């Protein structure tokens, strides 16, 4: 018996990779999509899925991903994205902002557009990985907060637009997650700055914690829509208020 198809973008690391594993454990055949071919091929072999090399900022890649996924898709996890830079607005590198917008917003929209017919056919669910950064801005975060706020608006509009279609629209908004690459990429490989983000926080979220939330949203009964799920570690009362044991 064939397994329902789930597509995960940004599956080569972090939350995307953990989500591919969680959905495979839930019985899906996972199409693992990302730019780093070697990584997704290894992941697909591990979980019995398929690998599709895909840069979500390239229309031809997104079209090829939709073709590879087939005519019926049960789950799309539009996860590809990330943060770059932490400078204040006055000193921000706007090229980095464009890169974030291209991936986090336009890449999400392109993935949804390309796969929507198959999601309608499969009575599927669209899950985006947002962030609490899209809900409350902070110093040095204008670029990243802006793109995640845009994703939130995209999903709210999509939910209204698809109200009469057999497709669920879900947004998962994590707080502090100690994933394997997120902070390191944001700080351009500066390991000390990346480590400082989590300093003194006993238990930030793991990428597996977020993947479990995504799998939950994806496997709810067909009539149940998780519009928005905000998940933070217990130590983080708000985006700006984190308990650190070292003071």
Protein backbone atom coordinates (compact mmCIF):
# COMPACT_ATOMS: atom_id res chain seq x y z
CA UNK A 1 0.00 0.00 0.00
CA UNK A 2 1.42 3.39 -0.97
CA UNK A 3 2.12 5.96 1.71
CA UNK A 4 0.74 9.51 1.57
CA UNK A 5 3.22 12.04 0.23
CA UNK A 6 4.75 14.76 2.39
CA UNK A 7 7.07 17.41 0.97
CA UNK A 8 9.55 19.15 3.27
CA UNK A 9 11.63 22.06 1.98
CA UNK A 10 14.85 22.99 3.72
CA UNK A 11 15.24 19.35 4.71
CA UNK A 12 19.04 19.22 4.74
CA UNK A 13 19.43 20.39 8.34
CA UNK A 14 17.76 21.64 11.50
CA UNK A 15 14.00 21.71 11.83
CA UNK A 16 13.50 20.53 8.25
CA UNK A 17 15.59 17.41 8.68
CA UNK A 18 13.95 16.60 12.03
CA UNK A 19 10.52 17.13 10.46
CA UNK A 20 11.28 14.75 7.59
CA UNK A 21 12.17 12.09 10.15
CA UNK A 22 9.07 12.77 12.25
CA UNK A 23 6.72 12.58 9.25
CA UNK A 24 8.37 9.37 8.05
CA UNK A 25 7.78 7.92 11.53
CA UNK A 26 4.12 8.98 11.14
CA UNK A 27 3.74 6.93 7.97
CA UNK A 28 4.43 9.42 5.17
CA UNK A 29 6.67 9.01 2.18
CA UNK A 30 8.74 12.16 2.52
CA UNK A 31 10.10 14.11 -0.43
CA UNK A 32 13.18 15.78 1.06
CA UNK A 33 13.93 19.03 -0.76
CA UNK A 34 16.95 21.28 -0.26
CA UNK A 35 19.95 22.71 -2.09
CA UNK A 36 22.53 20.34 -0.58
CA UNK A 37 22.04 17.19 -2.60
CA UNK A 38 24.39 14.92 -0.67
CA UNK A 39 22.67 15.65 2.63
CA UNK A 40 19.12 15.07 1.43
CA UNK A 41 20.11 11.91 -0.41
CA UNK A 42 21.52 10.52 2.84
CA UNK A 43 18.37 11.58 4.72
CA UNK A 44 16.06 10.07 2.12
CA UNK A 45 17.96 6.78 2.26
CA UNK A 46 17.68 6.80 6.06
CA UNK A 47 13.90 7.36 6.19
CA UNK A 48 12.80 5.60 3.00
CA UNK A 49 11.93 8.84 1.24
CA UNK A 50 13.02 10.64 -1.91
CA UNK A 51 15.50 13.45 -2.45
CA UNK A 52 14.89 16.39 -4.79
CA UNK A 53 17.53 19.07 -5.11
CA UNK A 54 15.66 22.34 -4.85
CA UNK A 55 16.49 26.00 -4.27
CA UNK A 56 13.09 27.57 -3.51
CA UNK A 57 14.25 30.89 -4.98
CA UNK A 58 14.60 29.25 -8.43
CA UNK A 59 11.25 28.82 -10.25
CA UNK A 60 12.55 25.90 -12.31
CA UNK A 61 13.60 24.05 -9.15
CA UNK A 62 10.20 24.57 -7.52
CA UNK A 63 8.42 23.39 -10.67
CA UNK A 64 10.60 20.26 -10.74
CA UNK A 65 9.80 19.63 -7.06
CA UNK A 66 6.06 19.81 -7.74
CA UNK A 67 6.44 17.42 -10.68
CA UNK A 68 8.43 14.97 -8.56
CA UNK A 69 5.86 15.09 -5.75
CA UNK A 70 3.07 13.98 -8.08
CA UNK A 71 -0.63 14.65 -8.43
CA UNK A 72 -1.65 14.16 -4.79
CA UNK A 73 0.23 15.59 -1.82
CA UNK A 74 -0.92 15.15 1.77
CA UNK A 75 1.50 17.55 3.47
CA UNK A 76 3.66 20.49 2.45
CA UNK A 77 6.04 21.78 5.11
CA UNK A 78 7.36 25.05 3.68
CA UNK A 79 10.34 25.28 5.98
CA UNK A 80 13.19 26.61 3.83
CA UNK A 81 14.43 29.91 5.21
CA UNK A 82 16.55 31.34 7.98
CA UNK A 83 18.08 34.49 9.42
CA UNK A 84 21.10 36.42 8.20
CA UNK A 85 22.66 39.25 10.18
CA UNK A 86 21.80 41.08 13.40
CA UNK A 87 22.72 44.68 12.65
CA UNK A 88 20.45 47.62 13.51
CA UNK A 89 18.42 49.14 10.70
CA UNK A 90 20.91 52.00 10.24
CA UNK A 91 23.73 49.55 9.50
CA UNK A 92 21.82 46.67 7.93
CA UNK A 93 23.05 44.96 4.80
CA UNK A 94 19.99 45.23 2.58
CA UNK A 95 21.33 42.53 0.28
CA UNK A 96 20.97 40.14 3.22
CA UNK A 97 17.41 41.35 3.77
CA UNK A 98 16.64 40.58 0.10
CA UNK A 99 18.10 37.11 0.49
CA UNK A 100 15.91 36.49 3.56
CA UNK A 101 12.81 37.77 1.80
CA UNK A 102 13.51 35.70 -1.30
CA UNK A 103 13.81 32.50 0.73
CA UNK A 104 11.50 32.98 3.71
CA UNK A 105 8.61 34.70 1.91
CA UNK A 106 8.81 34.34 -1.87
CA UNK A 107 10.18 30.82 -1.57
CA UNK A 108 7.29 29.84 0.69
CA UNK A 109 4.76 31.44 -1.67
CA UNK A 110 6.33 29.76 -4.71
CA UNK A 111 6.27 26.35 -3.01
CA UNK A 112 2.62 26.77 -2.08
CA UNK A 113 1.65 27.95 -5.58
CA UNK A 114 3.39 25.04 -7.27
CA UNK A 115 2.03 22.33 -4.98
CA UNK A 116 -1.45 23.69 -4.31
CA UNK A 117 -3.25 21.68 -7.03
CA UNK A 118 -1.76 18.46 -5.63
CA UNK A 119 -2.64 19.52 -2.07
CA UNK A 120 -6.25 20.15 -3.09
CA UNK A 121 -6.36 16.77 -4.79
CA UNK A 122 -4.88 15.11 -1.72
CA UNK A 123 -7.00 16.99 0.84
CA UNK A 124 -3.67 18.13 2.20
CA UNK A 125 -2.24 20.44 4.81
CA UNK A 126 0.17 23.35 4.35
CA UNK A 127 2.48 24.00 7.30
CA UNK A 128 4.85 26.94 7.44
CA UNK A 129 7.58 27.41 10.01
CA UNK A 130 7.28 30.97 11.21
CA UNK A 131 8.77 32.45 14.37
CA UNK A 132 7.84 34.46 17.43
CA UNK A 133 10.13 37.03 15.78
CA UNK A 134 7.25 37.70 13.41
CA UNK A 135 5.05 38.66 16.35
CA UNK A 136 7.33 40.98 18.37
CA UNK A 137 10.26 42.95 16.95
CA UNK A 138 13.58 43.36 18.76
CA UNK A 139 16.76 45.37 18.28
CA UNK A 140 18.92 44.01 15.50
CA UNK A 141 16.10 41.85 14.21
CA UNK A 142 14.21 44.14 11.83
CA UNK A 143 15.11 42.11 8.74
CA UNK A 144 14.30 38.68 10.14
CA UNK A 145 11.29 39.90 12.13
CA UNK A 146 9.98 41.52 8.98
CA UNK A 147 10.15 38.42 6.82
CA UNK A 148 8.51 36.25 9.48
CA UNK A 149 5.75 38.84 9.92
CA UNK A 150 5.25 38.65 6.16
CA UNK A 151 4.94 34.86 6.35
CA UNK A 152 2.30 35.25 9.07
CA UNK A 153 0.31 37.64 6.87
CA UNK A 154 0.69 35.28 3.92
CA UNK A 155 -0.75 32.40 5.92
CA UNK A 156 -3.66 34.42 7.31
CA UNK A 157 -4.60 35.52 3.80
CA UNK A 158 -4.20 31.98 2.45
CA UNK A 159 -6.49 30.58 5.15
CA UNK A 160 -9.21 33.01 4.04
CA UNK A 161 -8.65 32.33 0.36
CA UNK A 162 -8.85 28.55 0.77
CA UNK A 163 -11.83 28.57 3.15
CA UNK A 164 -13.96 26.47 0.78
CA UNK A 165 -11.17 24.10 -0.30
CA UNK A 166 -10.19 20.75 1.30
CA UNK A 167 -6.83 22.12 2.40
CA UNK A 168 -5.73 23.01 5.92
CA UNK A 169 -3.41 25.98 6.53
CA UNK A 170 -1.19 25.83 9.61
CA UNK A 171 1.56 28.03 11.02
CA UNK A 172 4.07 26.87 13.64
CA UNK A 173 5.86 29.73 15.41
CA UNK A 174 8.81 28.60 17.55
CA UNK A 175 10.69 30.67 20.08
CA UNK A 176 14.27 29.88 21.04
CA UNK A 177 15.41 26.72 19.25
CA UNK A 178 18.96 25.36 19.59
CA UNK A 179 19.21 23.91 16.10
CA UNK A 180 22.46 22.85 14.50
CA UNK A 181 22.92 25.75 12.06
CA UNK A 182 20.44 28.60 12.60
CA UNK A 183 22.45 30.90 14.87
CA UNK A 184 25.75 30.00 13.21
CA UNK A 185 24.42 31.05 9.81
CA UNK A 186 22.89 34.20 11.25
CA UNK A 187 26.23 35.32 12.70
CA UNK A 188 28.21 34.41 9.57
CA UNK A 189 29.96 31.45 11.19
CA UNK A 190 30.96 33.25 14.42
CA UNK A 191 30.74 30.36 16.90
CA UNK A 192 31.10 32.59 19.97
CA UNK A 193 28.17 34.81 18.97
CA UNK A 194 26.07 31.78 18.09
CA UNK A 195 26.77 30.13 21.45
CA UNK A 196 25.94 33.34 23.34
CA UNK A 197 22.33 33.17 22.12
CA UNK A 198 21.76 30.09 24.28
CA UNK A 199 24.16 30.89 27.15
CA UNK A 200 22.66 30.03 30.53
CA UNK A 201 19.42 28.68 29.08
CA UNK A 202 19.12 25.19 30.54
CA UNK A 203 16.72 23.77 27.97
CA UNK A 204 15.97 25.72 24.82
CA UNK A 205 13.71 23.97 22.34
CA UNK A 206 15.30 21.34 20.15
CA UNK A 207 14.62 20.95 16.46
CA UNK A 208 12.93 17.66 17.33
CA UNK A 209 10.51 19.53 19.62
CA UNK A 210 9.41 21.73 16.73
CA UNK A 211 9.23 18.76 14.37
CA UNK A 212 6.86 17.04 16.81
CA UNK A 213 4.58 20.10 16.70
CA UNK A 214 4.63 20.07 12.90
CA UNK A 215 3.83 16.36 12.80
CA UNK A 216 0.96 16.94 15.24
CA UNK A 217 -0.52 19.68 13.05
CA UNK A 218 -0.07 17.53 9.95
CA UNK A 219 -1.76 14.48 11.42
CA UNK A 220 -4.81 16.05 13.05
CA UNK A 221 -8.18 14.87 11.70
CA UNK A 222 -9.15 16.36 8.36
CA UNK A 223 -11.64 18.79 9.93
CA UNK A 224 -9.14 20.15 12.49
CA UNK A 225 -7.02 23.16 11.45
CA UNK A 226 -4.21 24.39 13.69
CA UNK A 227 -4.28 28.00 12.52
CA UNK A 228 -1.28 29.04 14.61
CA UNK A 229 0.77 27.20 17.21
CA UNK A 230 3.24 29.26 19.26
CA UNK A 231 5.80 27.13 21.07
CA UNK A 232 8.56 28.36 23.36
CA UNK A 233 10.85 26.75 25.90
CA UNK A 234 9.67 27.16 29.48
CA UNK A 235 12.63 29.49 30.11
CA UNK A 236 11.36 31.97 27.52
CA UNK A 237 8.36 33.91 28.77
CA UNK A 238 8.43 36.21 25.75
CA UNK A 239 10.71 36.90 22.81
CA UNK A 240 12.73 39.36 24.91
CA UNK A 241 12.39 37.74 28.36
CA UNK A 242 14.54 34.62 28.87
CA UNK A 243 15.67 33.10 32.16
CA UNK A 244 19.43 32.50 32.13
CA UNK A 245 20.96 30.65 35.05
CA UNK A 246 24.18 32.61 34.87
CA UNK A 247 22.31 35.84 35.44
